[in-house]
Amino acid sequence: MDDLQKVEEIVFIEIKNVAVLEETIIKKTTPLIGNESIIDSMKLVELCLSLEDIAEDLGFEFDWTSEKAMSTSRSMFKDAGSLSEEFLRQWKEN
């Protein structure tokens, strides 16, 4: 299992933990923002706080409040795959 797969497993589990419907299947293309999102804005914050805790355990600070994160056109919150890739990128940077 490569690093991205490991991170996807972690992120997807955390998304499932905050999802409105427990039986939701999380895939790379699962939307996290927008009309088809499986979580609301409060759950998105809860997800990010949970990922912050996991990042701290892994020895880095997960930055989900940066200008890039909040950009709607290239947001890490577009879908589960984008969030996983950004989490991995930040982990490898540190």
N, C-alpha and C. Protein backbone atom coordinates (compact mmCIF):
# COMPACT_ATOMS: atom_id res chain seq x y z
N MET A 1 0.85 -1.18 0.00
CA MET A 1 0.00 0.00 0.00
C MET A 1 0.89 1.24 0.00
N ASP A 2 0.68 2.14 -0.98
CA ASP A 2 1.51 3.34 -1.04
C ASP A 2 0.96 4.41 -0.10
N ASP A 3 1.72 5.51 0.01
CA ASP A 3 1.35 6.58 0.95
C ASP A 3 -0.03 7.17 0.66
N LEU A 4 -0.34 7.38 -0.62
CA LEU A 4 -1.64 7.96 -0.96
C LEU A 4 -2.77 7.03 -0.54
N GLN A 5 -2.61 5.75 -0.75
CA GLN A 5 -3.64 4.80 -0.34
C GLN A 5 -3.83 4.82 1.17
N LYS A 6 -2.74 4.90 1.91
CA LYS A 6 -2.82 4.97 3.38
C LYS A 6 -3.57 6.22 3.82
N VAL A 7 -3.21 7.34 3.21
CA VAL A 7 -3.86 8.61 3.56
C VAL A 7 -5.34 8.58 3.16
N GLU A 8 -5.64 8.03 1.99
CA GLU A 8 -7.04 7.93 1.57
C GLU A 8 -7.84 7.12 2.57
N GLU A 9 -7.27 6.03 3.04
CA GLU A 9 -7.96 5.20 4.03
C GLU A 9 -8.26 6.02 5.29
N ILE A 10 -7.28 6.76 5.77
CA ILE A 10 -7.46 7.60 6.97
C ILE A 10 -8.53 8.66 6.73
N VAL A 11 -8.40 9.40 5.63
CA VAL A 11 -9.32 10.50 5.32
C VAL A 11 -10.73 9.96 5.08
N PHE A 12 -10.86 8.88 4.31
CA PHE A 12 -12.18 8.33 4.01
C PHE A 12 -12.88 7.86 5.28
N ILE A 13 -12.14 7.27 6.19
CA ILE A 13 -12.74 6.84 7.47
C ILE A 13 -13.24 8.05 8.24
N GLU A 14 -12.45 9.11 8.27
CA GLU A 14 -12.87 10.31 8.98
C GLU A 14 -14.09 10.96 8.33
N ILE A 15 -14.14 10.95 7.00
CA ILE A 15 -15.32 11.48 6.30
C ILE A 15 -16.55 10.65 6.67
N LYS A 16 -16.40 9.35 6.64
CA LYS A 16 -17.52 8.46 6.99
C LYS A 16 -17.98 8.70 8.42
N ASN A 17 -17.05 9.00 9.32
CA ASN A 17 -17.40 9.25 10.72
C ASN A 17 -18.29 10.48 10.90
N VAL A 18 -18.15 11.47 10.00
CA VAL A 18 -18.95 12.69 10.13
C VAL A 18 -20.11 12.76 9.13
N ALA A 19 -20.18 11.81 8.21
CA ALA A 19 -21.23 11.82 7.18
C ALA A 19 -22.61 11.69 7.81
N VAL A 20 -23.57 12.32 7.16
CA VAL A 20 -24.95 12.29 7.63
C VAL A 20 -25.50 10.87 7.58
N LEU A 21 -25.23 10.16 6.52
CA LEU A 21 -25.72 8.80 6.36
C LEU A 21 -24.56 7.83 6.56
N GLU A 22 -24.66 6.99 7.58
CA GLU A 22 -23.56 6.08 7.90
C GLU A 22 -23.24 5.08 6.80
N GLU A 23 -24.27 4.72 6.00
CA GLU A 23 -24.04 3.72 4.96
C GLU A 23 -23.41 4.29 3.70
N THR A 24 -23.07 5.57 3.73
CA THR A 24 -22.45 6.22 2.59
C THR A 24 -21.12 5.56 2.25
N ILE A 25 -20.93 5.27 0.97
CA ILE A 25 -19.65 4.72 0.49
C ILE A 25 -18.80 5.90 0.03
N ILE A 26 -17.61 6.01 0.60
CA ILE A 26 -16.71 7.13 0.28
C ILE A 26 -15.77 6.69 -0.84
N LYS A 27 -15.71 7.50 -1.89
CA LYS A 27 -14.81 7.28 -3.02
C LYS A 27 -14.01 8.56 -3.24
N LYS A 28 -13.02 8.51 -4.10
CA LYS A 28 -12.22 9.70 -4.41
C LYS A 28 -13.09 10.84 -4.92
N THR A 29 -14.16 10.52 -5.62
CA THR A 29 -15.01 11.53 -6.25
C THR A 29 -16.17 11.98 -5.36
N THR A 30 -16.23 11.50 -4.13
CA THR A 30 -17.31 11.89 -3.22
C THR A 30 -17.18 13.38 -2.91
N PRO A 31 -18.21 14.19 -3.28
CA PRO A 31 -18.12 15.64 -3.05
C PRO A 31 -18.23 16.00 -1.57
N LEU A 32 -17.39 16.96 -1.16
CA LEU A 32 -17.41 17.42 0.23
C LEU A 32 -18.02 18.80 0.36
N ILE A 33 -18.14 19.52 -0.76
CA ILE A 33 -18.80 20.83 -0.75
C ILE A 33 -19.73 20.89 -1.95
N GLY A 34 -20.70 21.78 -1.89
CA GLY A 34 -21.63 21.94 -3.00
C GLY A 34 -22.94 21.22 -2.75
N ASN A 35 -23.80 21.26 -3.75
CA ASN A 35 -25.15 20.71 -3.63
C ASN A 35 -25.20 19.22 -3.38
N GLU A 36 -24.22 18.48 -3.87
CA GLU A 36 -24.23 17.02 -3.73
C GLU A 36 -23.36 16.52 -2.58
N SER A 37 -22.91 17.42 -1.75
CA SER A 37 -22.03 17.06 -0.63
C SER A 37 -22.74 16.13 0.34
N ILE A 38 -21.97 15.22 0.91
CA ILE A 38 -22.53 14.29 1.90
C ILE A 38 -22.40 14.82 3.32
N ILE A 39 -21.74 15.98 3.48
CA ILE A 39 -21.60 16.59 4.80
C ILE A 39 -21.94 18.08 4.72
N ASP A 40 -22.43 18.61 5.82
CA ASP A 40 -22.73 20.05 5.85
C ASP A 40 -21.49 20.81 6.34
N SER A 41 -21.60 22.13 6.41
CA SER A 41 -20.43 22.95 6.76
C SER A 41 -19.93 22.67 8.18
N MET A 42 -20.83 22.40 9.10
CA MET A 42 -20.40 22.08 10.47
C MET A 42 -19.63 20.76 10.51
N LYS A 43 -20.09 19.79 9.74
CA LYS A 43 -19.41 18.49 9.68
C LYS A 43 -18.07 18.62 8.97
N LEU A 44 -17.97 19.54 8.01
CA LEU A 44 -16.69 19.77 7.33
C LEU A 44 -15.66 20.30 8.33
N VAL A 45 -16.08 21.21 9.18
CA VAL A 45 -15.18 21.74 10.21
C VAL A 45 -14.79 20.61 11.17
N GLU A 46 -15.76 19.80 11.56
CA GLU A 46 -15.49 18.66 12.45
C GLU A 46 -14.47 17.71 11.81
N LEU A 47 -14.63 17.46 10.51
CA LEU A 47 -13.70 16.62 9.77
C LEU A 47 -12.30 17.21 9.80
N CYS A 48 -12.19 18.50 9.55
CA CYS A 48 -10.89 19.16 9.52
C CYS A 48 -10.21 19.15 10.89
N LEU A 49 -10.98 19.34 11.92
CA LEU A 49 -10.42 19.28 13.28
C LEU A 49 -9.91 17.88 13.59
N SER A 50 -10.64 16.89 13.14
CA SER A 50 -10.21 15.51 13.32
C SER A 50 -8.91 15.24 12.55
N LEU A 51 -8.83 15.75 11.33
CA LEU A 51 -7.60 15.58 10.53
C LEU A 51 -6.43 16.35 11.15
N GLU A 52 -6.72 17.48 11.79
CA GLU A 52 -5.66 18.21 12.52
C GLU A 52 -5.08 17.32 13.61
N ASP A 53 -5.94 16.64 14.36
CA ASP A 53 -5.48 15.75 15.43
C ASP A 53 -4.64 14.60 14.88
N ILE A 54 -5.08 14.02 13.78
CA ILE A 54 -4.33 12.93 13.16
C ILE A 54 -2.97 13.43 12.68
N ALA A 55 -2.96 14.62 12.07
CA ALA A 55 -1.71 15.20 11.59
C ALA A 55 -0.74 15.44 12.74
N GLU A 56 -1.27 15.92 13.84
CA GLU A 56 -0.42 16.15 15.02
C GLU A 56 0.22 14.84 15.47
N ASP A 57 -0.56 13.76 15.46
CA ASP A 57 -0.02 12.44 15.82
C ASP A 57 1.06 11.99 14.85
N LEU A 58 0.95 12.44 13.59
CA LEU A 58 1.92 12.08 12.56
C LEU A 58 3.11 13.05 12.52
N GLY A 59 3.05 14.10 13.33
CA GLY A 59 4.18 15.01 13.45
C GLY A 59 4.15 16.22 12.53
N PHE A 60 2.98 16.62 12.06
CA PHE A 60 2.91 17.84 11.25
C PHE A 60 1.62 18.58 11.54
N GLU A 61 1.57 19.82 11.05
CA GLU A 61 0.38 20.65 11.24
C GLU A 61 -0.41 20.69 9.95
N PHE A 62 -1.64 20.21 9.99
CA PHE A 62 -2.52 20.23 8.82
C PHE A 62 -3.18 21.59 8.71
N ASP A 63 -2.88 22.32 7.63
CA ASP A 63 -3.42 23.67 7.43
C ASP A 63 -4.61 23.62 6.48
N TRP A 64 -5.79 23.73 7.04
CA TRP A 64 -7.01 23.71 6.23
C TRP A 64 -7.66 25.09 6.17
N THR A 65 -7.02 26.11 6.72
CA THR A 65 -7.60 27.45 6.75
C THR A 65 -6.85 28.43 5.85
N SER A 66 -5.91 27.94 5.07
CA SER A 66 -5.12 28.83 4.22
C SER A 66 -5.97 29.41 3.08
N GLU A 67 -5.41 30.39 2.41
CA GLU A 67 -6.09 30.99 1.27
C GLU A 67 -6.37 29.95 0.19
N LYS A 68 -5.42 29.06 -0.03
CA LYS A 68 -5.61 28.00 -1.03
C LYS A 68 -6.78 27.10 -0.65
N ALA A 69 -6.87 26.75 0.61
CA ALA A 69 -7.95 25.87 1.06
C ALA A 69 -9.31 26.51 0.86
N MET A 70 -9.38 27.80 1.03
CA MET A 70 -10.65 28.50 0.93
C MET A 70 -11.01 28.90 -0.50
N SER A 71 -10.08 28.73 -1.43
CA SER A 71 -10.34 29.06 -2.83
C SER A 71 -11.36 28.08 -3.40
N THR A 72 -12.41 28.60 -4.00
CA THR A 72 -13.44 27.72 -4.53
C THR A 72 -13.02 27.01 -5.81
N SER A 73 -12.14 27.60 -6.59
CA SER A 73 -11.78 26.99 -7.86
C SER A 73 -10.81 25.82 -7.73
N ARG A 74 -9.96 25.83 -6.73
CA ARG A 74 -8.99 24.73 -6.58
C ARG A 74 -8.96 24.24 -5.15
N SER A 75 -10.10 24.16 -4.58
CA SER A 75 -10.22 23.82 -3.17
C SER A 75 -9.87 22.36 -2.88
N MET A 76 -9.21 22.16 -1.78
CA MET A 76 -8.93 20.80 -1.33
C MET A 76 -10.20 20.10 -0.88
N PHE A 77 -11.26 20.86 -0.71
CA PHE A 77 -12.52 20.30 -0.23
C PHE A 77 -13.46 19.90 -1.36
N LYS A 78 -13.01 19.97 -2.60
CA LYS A 78 -13.85 19.63 -3.74
C LYS A 78 -14.40 18.21 -3.59
N ASP A 79 -13.52 17.27 -3.27
CA ASP A 79 -13.95 15.88 -3.09
C ASP A 79 -12.98 15.15 -2.16
N ALA A 80 -13.32 13.93 -1.83
CA ALA A 80 -12.51 13.15 -0.89
C ALA A 80 -11.10 12.92 -1.40
N GLY A 81 -10.96 12.72 -2.71
CA GLY A 81 -9.63 12.52 -3.29
C GLY A 81 -8.75 13.75 -3.18
N SER A 82 -9.33 14.93 -3.42
CA SER A 82 -8.57 16.18 -3.31
C SER A 82 -8.10 16.42 -1.89
N LEU A 83 -8.97 16.15 -0.93
CA LEU A 83 -8.59 16.33 0.47
C LEU A 83 -7.48 15.36 0.85
N SER A 84 -7.57 14.13 0.39
CA SER A 84 -6.52 13.14 0.67
C SER A 84 -5.18 13.56 0.08
N GLU A 85 -5.22 14.04 -1.16
CA GLU A 85 -3.98 14.48 -1.82
C GLU A 85 -3.35 15.67 -1.09
N GLU A 86 -4.16 16.61 -0.64
CA GLU A 86 -3.63 17.77 0.08
C GLU A 86 -3.07 17.37 1.43
N PHE A 87 -3.75 16.47 2.13
CA PHE A 87 -3.26 15.97 3.42
C PHE A 87 -1.90 15.31 3.23
N LEU A 88 -1.77 14.47 2.21
CA LEU A 88 -0.50 13.80 1.93
C LEU A 88 0.58 14.81 1.56
N ARG A 89 0.23 15.80 0.72
CA ARG A 89 1.21 16.82 0.31
C ARG A 89 1.76 17.54 1.53
N GLN A 90 0.87 17.95 2.43
CA GLN A 90 1.32 18.67 3.63
C GLN A 90 2.15 17.76 4.53
N TRP A 91 1.79 16.50 4.64
CA TRP A 91 2.53 15.54 5.46
C TRP A 91 3.95 15.38 4.91
N LYS A 92 4.07 15.23 3.60
CA LYS A 92 5.39 15.03 2.99
C LYS A 92 6.25 16.29 3.05
N GLU A 93 5.63 17.46 3.06
CA GLU A 93 6.37 18.73 3.16
C GLU A 93 7.05 18.88 4.50
N ASN A 94 6.51 18.26 5.51
CA ASN A 94 7.02 18.46 6.87
C ASN A 94 7.82 17.32 7.37
